Amino acid sequence: MPAPLPPPKLGEPYLLTPGPLTTSFGVKEAMLKDWGSWDDDFRALTREIRAGILDLIGPGAEAYDCVPIQGSGSYCVEAMLGTFVPKDGKVLVLANGAYGLRAAQTMTYLNRAHTLIDKGDYLPPRGDDVAHALAEDPAITHVLAIHCETSSGILNPIDEIAEATHAAGRKLLIDSMSAFGGVPMDLATLRYTAMVSSANKCIEGVPGFGFVIARTSELEAAKGNCHSLSLDVEAQWSTMSKTGQWRFTPPTHVVAAFREALRAHAQEGGVEGRAARYSNNRDALVTGMRALGFETLLDDRWLSPIIVTFFCPADPAFQFSQFYDLMKSKGFIIYPGKLTVVDSFRIGCIGQMDAHVMNLVVEAARDALSDMGVVSAAPPAIALNERKKLAAL
């Protein structure tokens, strides 16, 4: 059994969120050096992280390239949509939470055609949904899918979505912001045009840039599509390919931290090793919280190893704001819920944490309930009715 991971810096709470997350000392230390953005050493650093990201997608990676983009994950999603969807294209956006809806909002800002399948707070878009929508609307050129919808914690059935998209001869765009690097993906099965993720998620770097993984042929074909100078993935790729440089000032310290995070990711066993630790984290958390009386939004088959949504207790003594403050005082920053039908909160399973830490999270939750005078952590009846909807699928 591996030794427990070291705690974060003294006095620093664990971030139980889907990113930013708790990082290692090595990642933090890597940011202590200054870099010249045009210097050969930094160009070599950029080449190294691009190659390291491509290594994570496995066989078939030679057909793809990796393009880092300054900014948060939402910048990268907009960059992907604006670059790979031509001005006369149309996107089928699959939403079952906040991030699918944000992608649809992005399409509105881009003034490009799109249609939306909105499954509500958490119900997964299925392959049959996609196949039906594509058969009904031949104008649709692309499908946008969220791999892990962290507003609920559901791991969407990306394989069947990809199969339905490919069978209909359309192109797949994937927002794998919170899953890439921590959830195994079969490139041959997914056959995507482009996918985006971020430095501060399952690779366990810090915020400041994301990246687009795209077929080289699609990058070449995308010239002139983009609505934005700074978010043009093709232009960024073309410049990096020719000069090794970012077009505009890169987040140099963040890139250096990401290289250290990539090295640690490889040492842990790559995607499979990272997925195993995150899954153990989730299992320890869910088992412990259920023993306290909490209920998860999702049945086990839909639980991602990234973040878990729990219903708030029906007990009138429970107030989330107080629960949050108590958990923080005990060394754990949790996440508010985003469900619209019932009150909830979320606890992340990613970052520099292991099952030992998750057991401490459960102990902190138990003590917080006691401090609040909560007798039962059971949710209201409406919450269990919501679960039945998903169990029926």
Protein backbone atom coordinates (compact mmCIF):
# COMPACT_ATOMS: atom_id res chain seq x y z
CA MET A 1 0.00 0.00 0.00
CA PRO A 2 1.48 3.40 -0.95
CA ALA A 3 2.36 5.83 1.83
CA PRO A 4 -0.19 8.60 2.47
CA LEU A 5 0.40 11.76 0.48
CA PRO A 6 1.93 14.63 2.48
CA PRO A 7 -0.48 17.30 3.72
CA PRO A 8 -0.60 20.70 2.04
CA LYS A 9 1.43 23.57 3.45
CA LEU A 10 0.89 24.13 7.18
CA GLY A 11 -2.35 26.01 7.71
CA GLU A 12 -3.46 25.52 4.12
CA PRO A 13 -6.79 23.68 3.71
CA TYR A 14 -7.39 20.94 1.18
CA LEU A 15 -9.35 22.14 -1.86
CA LEU A 16 -12.15 19.62 -2.36
CA THR A 17 -13.17 21.15 -5.68
CA PRO A 18 -12.89 20.09 -9.33
CA GLY A 19 -10.01 22.54 -9.86
CA PRO A 20 -8.23 24.64 -8.82
CA LEU A 21 -7.11 21.89 -6.50
CA THR A 22 -4.53 21.03 -3.90
CA THR A 23 -1.12 20.78 -5.60
CA SER A 24 2.14 19.15 -4.57
CA PHE A 25 5.15 20.92 -3.10
CA GLY A 26 7.01 20.14 -6.32
CA VAL A 27 4.43 21.91 -8.46
CA LYS A 28 4.49 24.94 -6.18
CA GLU A 29 8.30 24.99 -6.11
CA ALA A 30 8.50 24.91 -9.92
CA MET A 31 6.98 28.41 -10.00
CA LEU A 32 9.92 29.99 -8.15
CA LYS A 33 11.97 30.49 -11.32
CA ASP A 34 11.43 33.28 -13.86
CA TRP A 35 11.42 32.44 -17.57
CA GLY A 36 11.90 34.53 -20.71
CA SER A 37 8.91 33.90 -22.92
CA TRP A 38 10.97 34.11 -26.13
CA ASP A 39 14.00 32.27 -24.76
CA ASP A 40 15.06 28.90 -26.17
CA ASP A 41 14.71 27.28 -22.75
CA PHE A 42 11.06 28.26 -22.54
CA ARG A 43 10.45 27.14 -26.11
CA ALA A 44 11.86 23.75 -25.14
CA LEU A 45 9.58 23.74 -22.09
CA THR A 46 6.56 24.42 -24.32
CA ARG A 47 7.56 21.58 -26.68
CA GLU A 48 7.93 19.25 -23.71
CA ILE A 49 4.47 19.89 -22.28
CA ARG A 50 2.80 19.62 -25.70
CA ALA A 51 4.44 16.25 -26.29
CA GLY A 52 3.65 15.13 -22.75
CA ILE A 53 -0.04 15.88 -23.20
CA LEU A 54 -0.15 13.94 -26.48
CA ASP A 55 1.49 10.98 -24.74
CA LEU A 56 -1.61 10.71 -22.54
CA ILE A 57 -3.96 9.95 -25.42
CA GLY A 58 -2.14 6.76 -26.39
CA PRO A 59 -2.15 4.97 -29.77
CA GLY A 60 -3.20 7.17 -32.66
CA ALA A 61 -1.68 10.32 -31.15
CA GLU A 62 0.36 10.92 -34.29
CA ALA A 63 -2.80 12.18 -36.03
CA TYR A 64 -3.26 14.91 -33.39
CA ASP A 65 -1.45 17.93 -32.07
CA CYS A 66 -1.70 19.86 -28.81
CA VAL A 67 -2.21 23.63 -28.72
CA PRO A 68 -1.96 25.43 -25.35
CA ILE A 69 -4.21 28.47 -24.93
CA GLN A 70 -3.83 31.17 -22.27
CA GLY A 71 -6.80 31.54 -19.89
CA SER A 72 -9.32 29.39 -18.07
CA GLY A 73 -11.12 26.34 -19.36
CA SER A 74 -14.01 28.41 -20.69
CA TYR A 75 -11.55 30.32 -22.88
CA CYS A 76 -10.50 27.01 -24.41
CA VAL A 77 -14.06 25.87 -25.01
CA GLU A 78 -14.81 29.12 -26.81
CA ALA A 79 -11.57 28.81 -28.75
CA MET A 80 -12.47 25.27 -29.84
CA LEU A 81 -15.99 26.20 -30.90
CA GLY A 82 -14.90 29.36 -32.68
CA THR A 83 -12.04 27.66 -34.51
CA PHE A 84 -13.41 24.29 -35.60
CA VAL A 85 -17.02 25.19 -36.34
CA PRO A 86 -17.17 27.11 -39.63
CA LYS A 87 -19.30 30.21 -39.79
CA ASP A 88 -21.97 28.29 -41.71
CA GLY A 89 -21.77 25.26 -39.40
CA LYS A 90 -24.25 24.20 -36.74
CA VAL A 91 -23.58 22.60 -33.35
CA LEU A 92 -25.71 20.18 -31.37
CA VAL A 93 -24.90 21.06 -27.75
CA LEU A 94 -25.53 18.33 -25.19
CA ALA A 95 -26.27 19.75 -21.74
CA ASN A 96 -27.05 18.20 -18.39
CA GLY A 97 -25.68 20.91 -16.17
CA ALA A 98 -23.99 24.30 -16.07
CA TYR A 99 -21.13 23.62 -18.47
CA GLY A 100 -23.24 22.34 -21.35
CA LEU A 101 -25.48 25.37 -20.93
CA ARG A 102 -22.41 27.62 -20.92
CA ALA A 103 -21.31 26.10 -24.22
CA ALA A 104 -24.72 26.90 -25.70
CA GLN A 105 -24.40 30.45 -24.37
CA THR A 106 -21.00 30.66 -26.03
CA MET A 107 -22.54 29.70 -29.36
CA THR A 108 -25.06 32.52 -28.93
CA TYR A 109 -22.23 35.00 -28.34
CA LEU A 110 -20.47 33.66 -31.43
CA ASN A 111 -23.66 34.22 -33.41
CA ARG A 112 -23.38 30.72 -34.88
CA ALA A 113 -26.16 28.24 -35.38
CA HIS A 114 -26.75 25.68 -32.67
CA THR A 115 -29.43 23.53 -31.17
CA LEU A 116 -29.61 22.25 -27.62
CA ILE A 117 -30.54 19.00 -25.93
CA ASP A 118 -31.02 20.01 -22.30
CA LYS A 119 -31.47 17.01 -20.00
CA GLY A 120 -31.82 19.13 -16.87
CA ASP A 121 -29.62 19.07 -13.79
CA TYR A 122 -27.98 15.70 -14.28
CA LEU A 123 -29.75 13.20 -16.57
CA PRO A 124 -27.20 12.01 -19.15
CA PRO A 125 -27.54 12.66 -22.87
CA ARG A 126 -27.60 9.24 -24.50
CA GLY A 127 -26.50 7.96 -27.87
CA ASP A 128 -30.11 7.54 -28.97
CA ASP A 129 -30.79 11.22 -28.19
CA VAL A 130 -27.90 12.21 -30.41
CA ALA A 131 -28.80 9.84 -33.23
CA HIS A 132 -32.39 11.11 -33.29
CA ALA A 133 -31.37 14.79 -33.28
CA LEU A 134 -28.84 14.28 -36.08
CA ALA A 135 -31.33 12.34 -38.20
CA GLU A 136 -33.88 15.13 -37.77
CA ASP A 137 -31.51 17.98 -38.64
CA PRO A 138 -29.04 17.43 -41.49
CA ALA A 139 -27.72 20.99 -41.03
CA ILE A 140 -25.90 19.94 -37.83
CA THR A 141 -22.19 19.61 -38.53
CA HIS A 142 -20.76 19.14 -35.02
CA VAL A 143 -21.75 17.69 -31.64
CA LEU A 144 -20.41 19.22 -28.41
CA ALA A 145 -20.36 16.87 -25.41
CA ILE A 146 -19.30 17.43 -21.80
CA HIS A 147 -17.23 14.47 -20.63
CA CYS A 148 -17.67 15.00 -16.89
CA GLU A 149 -20.37 17.49 -15.89
CA THR A 150 -19.02 18.69 -12.57
CA SER A 151 -22.16 20.61 -11.60
CA SER A 152 -23.59 17.18 -10.70
CA GLY A 153 -20.51 14.93 -10.80
CA ILE A 154 -21.89 12.70 -13.55
CA LEU A 155 -19.55 10.98 -15.97
CA ASN A 156 -21.46 11.19 -19.22
CA PRO A 157 -21.57 8.19 -21.63
CA ILE A 158 -19.06 9.68 -24.03
CA ASP A 159 -18.47 6.40 -25.90
CA GLU A 160 -22.07 6.04 -27.07
CA ILE A 161 -22.29 9.75 -27.89
CA ALA A 162 -19.15 9.40 -30.01
CA GLU A 163 -20.49 6.32 -31.77
CA ALA A 164 -23.79 8.02 -32.65
CA THR A 165 -21.94 11.10 -33.93
CA HIS A 166 -19.57 9.06 -36.07
CA ALA A 167 -22.38 6.87 -37.44
CA ALA A 168 -24.18 10.00 -38.64
CA GLY A 169 -21.05 11.37 -40.32
CA ARG A 170 -20.76 14.40 -38.03
CA LYS A 171 -17.82 15.73 -36.03
CA LEU A 172 -17.39 15.45 -32.26
CA LEU A 173 -16.03 18.18 -29.98
CA ILE A 174 -15.39 17.19 -26.36
CA ASP A 175 -15.14 19.34 -23.24
CA SER A 176 -13.04 17.00 -21.11
CA MET A 177 -12.01 19.78 -18.78
CA SER A 178 -12.40 17.79 -15.56
CA ALA A 179 -11.77 14.27 -16.87
CA PHE A 180 -8.75 14.30 -19.17
CA GLY A 181 -5.76 12.67 -17.50
CA GLY A 182 -7.87 11.10 -14.76
CA VAL A 183 -10.35 9.01 -16.76
CA PRO A 184 -9.12 6.49 -19.39
CA MET A 185 -10.24 7.33 -22.94
CA ASP A 186 -10.06 5.14 -26.04
CA LEU A 187 -9.04 7.38 -28.95
CA ALA A 188 -10.01 4.78 -31.56
CA THR A 189 -13.54 4.63 -30.16
CA LEU A 190 -14.08 8.35 -29.65
CA ARG A 191 -12.73 9.57 -33.02
CA TYR A 192 -13.10 13.21 -31.98
CA THR A 193 -12.21 16.30 -33.99
CA ALA A 194 -11.01 18.28 -30.98
CA MET A 195 -11.00 18.06 -27.20
CA VAL A 196 -10.18 20.60 -24.51
CA SER A 197 -8.91 20.36 -20.97
CA SER A 198 -7.08 22.53 -18.45
CA ALA A 199 -3.81 22.65 -16.52
CA ASN A 200 -5.46 22.74 -13.11
CA LYS A 201 -7.58 19.60 -13.26
CA CYS A 202 -6.53 15.95 -13.34
CA ILE A 203 -2.92 16.71 -14.26
CA GLU A 204 -2.79 18.65 -10.95
CA GLY A 205 -1.15 21.84 -12.18
CA VAL A 206 -2.23 25.39 -11.37
CA PRO A 207 -4.67 27.72 -13.21
CA GLY A 208 -3.50 29.84 -16.12
CA PHE A 209 -3.85 27.91 -19.36
CA GLY A 210 -5.77 25.13 -21.02
CA PHE A 211 -5.09 23.13 -24.13
CA VAL A 212 -6.79 21.90 -27.27
CA ILE A 213 -6.01 18.45 -28.65
CA ALA A 214 -7.10 18.34 -32.29
CA ARG A 215 -6.59 16.37 -35.44
CA THR A 216 -3.83 17.98 -37.48
CA SER A 217 -6.02 17.80 -40.58
CA GLU A 218 -8.78 19.72 -38.75
CA LEU A 219 -6.30 22.35 -37.59
CA GLU A 220 -5.14 22.86 -41.17
CA ALA A 221 -8.73 23.17 -42.38
CA ALA A 222 -9.70 25.68 -39.68
CA LYS A 223 -7.69 28.64 -40.98
CA GLY A 224 -9.89 31.74 -41.11
CA ASN A 225 -12.79 30.29 -39.12
CA CYS A 226 -12.21 31.97 -35.79
CA HIS A 227 -14.12 35.00 -34.57
CA SER A 228 -11.30 36.06 -32.24
CA LEU A 229 -7.68 37.06 -32.61
CA SER A 230 -6.52 35.75 -29.24
CA LEU A 231 -8.67 32.59 -29.23
CA ASP A 232 -7.75 31.37 -32.71
CA VAL A 233 -6.45 27.83 -32.15
CA GLU A 234 -5.23 27.45 -35.73
CA ALA A 235 -3.22 30.68 -35.54
CA GLN A 236 -1.71 29.64 -32.19
CA TRP A 237 -0.84 26.22 -33.60
CA SER A 238 0.65 27.66 -36.77
CA THR A 239 2.85 30.07 -34.82
CA MET A 240 4.00 27.41 -32.36
CA SER A 241 4.76 25.01 -35.19
CA LYS A 242 6.93 27.59 -36.97
CA THR A 243 8.63 29.39 -34.08
CA GLY A 244 8.01 27.37 -30.92
CA GLN A 245 6.58 30.51 -29.32
CA TRP A 246 3.20 31.49 -27.95
CA ARG A 247 1.68 34.37 -29.94
CA PHE A 248 1.03 36.48 -26.84
CA THR A 249 2.57 36.54 -23.35
CA PRO A 250 2.40 33.01 -21.93
CA PRO A 251 1.84 32.19 -18.25
CA THR A 252 5.46 31.11 -17.88
CA HIS A 253 5.37 30.07 -14.22
CA VAL A 254 2.18 28.08 -14.77
CA VAL A 255 3.75 26.23 -17.70
CA ALA A 256 6.78 25.33 -15.57
CA ALA A 257 4.48 24.06 -12.83
CA PHE A 258 2.56 22.00 -15.37
CA ARG A 259 5.73 20.29 -16.56
CA GLU A 260 6.40 19.19 -12.99
CA ALA A 261 2.78 18.02 -12.70
CA LEU A 262 3.11 15.99 -15.91
CA ARG A 263 6.23 14.30 -14.57
CA ALA A 264 4.44 13.39 -11.35
CA HIS A 265 1.48 12.12 -13.38
CA ALA A 266 3.79 9.76 -15.29
CA GLN A 267 5.47 8.57 -12.10
CA GLU A 268 2.08 7.69 -10.65
CA GLY A 269 1.34 5.40 -13.57
CA GLY A 270 -0.18 7.80 -16.07
CA VAL A 271 -3.91 7.97 -16.64
CA GLU A 272 -4.53 4.51 -15.18
CA GLY A 273 -2.60 5.27 -12.00
CA ARG A 274 -4.28 8.62 -11.52
CA ALA A 275 -7.71 7.11 -12.22
CA ALA A 276 -7.09 4.40 -9.62
CA ARG A 277 -6.26 6.92 -6.87
CA TYR A 278 -9.20 9.16 -7.72
CA SER A 279 -11.55 6.17 -7.77
CA ASN A 280 -10.27 5.07 -4.36
CA ASN A 281 -10.82 8.61 -3.11
CA ARG A 282 -14.40 8.58 -4.35
CA ASP A 283 -15.15 5.16 -2.90
CA ALA A 284 -13.76 6.09 0.53
CA LEU A 285 -15.70 9.36 0.52
CA VAL A 286 -19.02 7.89 -0.64
CA THR A 287 -18.85 4.93 1.70
CA GLY A 288 -18.08 7.16 4.67
CA MET A 289 -20.65 9.84 3.90
CA ARG A 290 -23.39 7.28 3.30
CA ALA A 291 -22.54 5.74 6.66
CA LEU A 292 -23.25 9.17 8.20
CA GLY A 293 -26.67 9.18 6.50
CA PHE A 294 -25.88 11.40 3.50
CA GLU A 295 -27.27 10.39 0.12
CA THR A 296 -25.55 10.90 -3.23
CA LEU A 297 -27.42 12.44 -6.14
CA LEU A 298 -26.19 9.71 -8.46
CA ASP A 299 -26.32 5.94 -8.35
CA ASP A 300 -22.97 4.21 -8.37
CA ARG A 301 -22.94 3.54 -12.13
CA TRP A 302 -22.98 7.27 -12.90
CA LEU A 303 -20.55 8.48 -10.23
CA SER A 304 -17.40 10.02 -11.66
CA PRO A 305 -14.08 9.81 -9.80
CA ILE A 306 -13.84 13.61 -10.09
CA ILE A 307 -16.50 15.11 -7.79
CA VAL A 308 -19.54 13.81 -5.91
CA THR A 309 -22.83 15.63 -5.27
CA PHE A 310 -24.55 15.01 -1.93
CA PHE A 311 -28.05 16.11 -0.99
CA CYS A 312 -28.29 18.53 1.93
CA PRO A 313 -29.98 16.98 4.97
CA ALA A 314 -33.65 17.73 5.56
CA ASP A 315 -32.93 18.33 9.26
CA PRO A 316 -33.83 22.02 9.95
CA ALA A 317 -30.63 22.38 11.99
CA PHE A 318 -28.56 21.95 8.82
CA GLN A 319 -27.47 25.16 7.12
CA PHE A 320 -24.99 24.80 4.28
CA SER A 321 -23.20 28.08 5.00
CA GLN A 322 -22.49 26.94 8.54
CA PHE A 323 -21.51 23.47 7.37
CA TYR A 324 -19.10 25.05 4.87
CA ASP A 325 -17.48 27.22 7.54
CA LEU A 326 -17.13 24.28 9.92
CA MET A 327 -15.55 22.11 7.23
CA LYS A 328 -13.13 24.89 6.34
CA SER A 329 -12.18 25.34 9.98
CA LYS A 330 -11.33 21.63 10.04
CA GLY A 331 -9.08 21.97 6.99
CA PHE A 332 -11.38 21.23 4.03
CA ILE A 333 -12.87 23.63 1.46
CA ILE A 334 -15.92 22.03 -0.16
CA TYR A 335 -18.10 23.22 -3.02
CA PRO A 336 -21.70 24.49 -3.09
CA GLY A 337 -24.24 22.61 -5.18
CA LYS A 338 -25.66 23.71 -8.53
CA LEU A 339 -28.87 21.69 -8.65
CA THR A 340 -32.01 23.73 -9.22
CA VAL A 341 -34.59 21.29 -7.81
CA VAL A 342 -33.05 20.39 -4.46
CA ASP A 343 -30.30 21.75 -2.20
CA SER A 344 -26.97 20.00 -2.47
CA PHE A 345 -23.22 20.34 -2.04
CA ARG A 346 -20.23 18.80 -3.76
CA ILE A 347 -16.96 17.28 -2.62
CA GLY A 348 -14.08 16.83 -5.08
CA CYS A 349 -11.94 13.70 -5.26
CA ILE A 350 -9.04 15.07 -7.32
CA GLY A 351 -5.81 16.81 -6.37
CA GLN A 352 -3.03 15.81 -4.00
CA MET A 353 -5.29 13.66 -1.82
CA ASP A 354 -5.67 9.97 -1.14
CA ALA A 355 -8.17 7.72 0.64
CA HIS A 356 -6.60 8.56 4.00
CA VAL A 357 -7.47 12.23 3.43
CA MET A 358 -10.99 11.34 2.33
CA ASN A 359 -11.52 9.43 5.56
CA LEU A 360 -10.51 12.60 7.41
CA VAL A 361 -13.07 14.51 5.33
CA VAL A 362 -15.77 12.10 6.53
CA GLU A 363 -14.66 12.57 10.13
CA ALA A 364 -14.82 16.34 9.70
CA ALA A 365 -18.34 16.07 8.26
CA ARG A 366 -19.43 13.90 11.19
CA ASP A 367 -18.06 16.43 13.67
CA ALA A 368 -19.63 19.34 11.78
CA LEU A 369 -23.07 17.70 11.96
CA SER A 370 -22.58 17.22 15.67
CA ASP A 371 -21.51 20.86 16.12
CA MET A 372 -24.65 21.99 14.28
CA GLY A 373 -26.96 19.72 16.26
CA VAL A 374 -28.06 17.82 13.15
CA VAL A 375 -29.73 14.58 14.21
CA SER A 376 -30.12 13.04 10.74
CA ALA A 377 -28.27 13.61 7.46
CA ALA A 378 -31.11 12.06 5.46
CA PRO A 379 -32.30 14.21 2.52
CA PRO A 380 -35.86 15.42 1.89
CA ALA A 381 -38.24 13.14 0.00
CA ILE A 382 -37.99 15.26 -3.15
CA ALA A 383 -34.27 14.42 -3.36
CA LEU A 384 -34.95 10.69 -3.42
CA ASN A 385 -37.56 11.22 -6.12
CA GLU A 386 -34.88 12.87 -8.24
CA ARG A 387 -32.65 9.85 -7.79
CA LYS A 388 -35.41 7.54 -9.04
CA LYS A 389 -35.42 9.36 -12.37
CA LEU A 390 -31.78 8.45 -12.96
CA ALA A 391 -32.14 4.92 -11.60
CA ALA A 392 -34.81 4.26 -14.23
CA LEU A 393 -32.35 4.80 -17.09
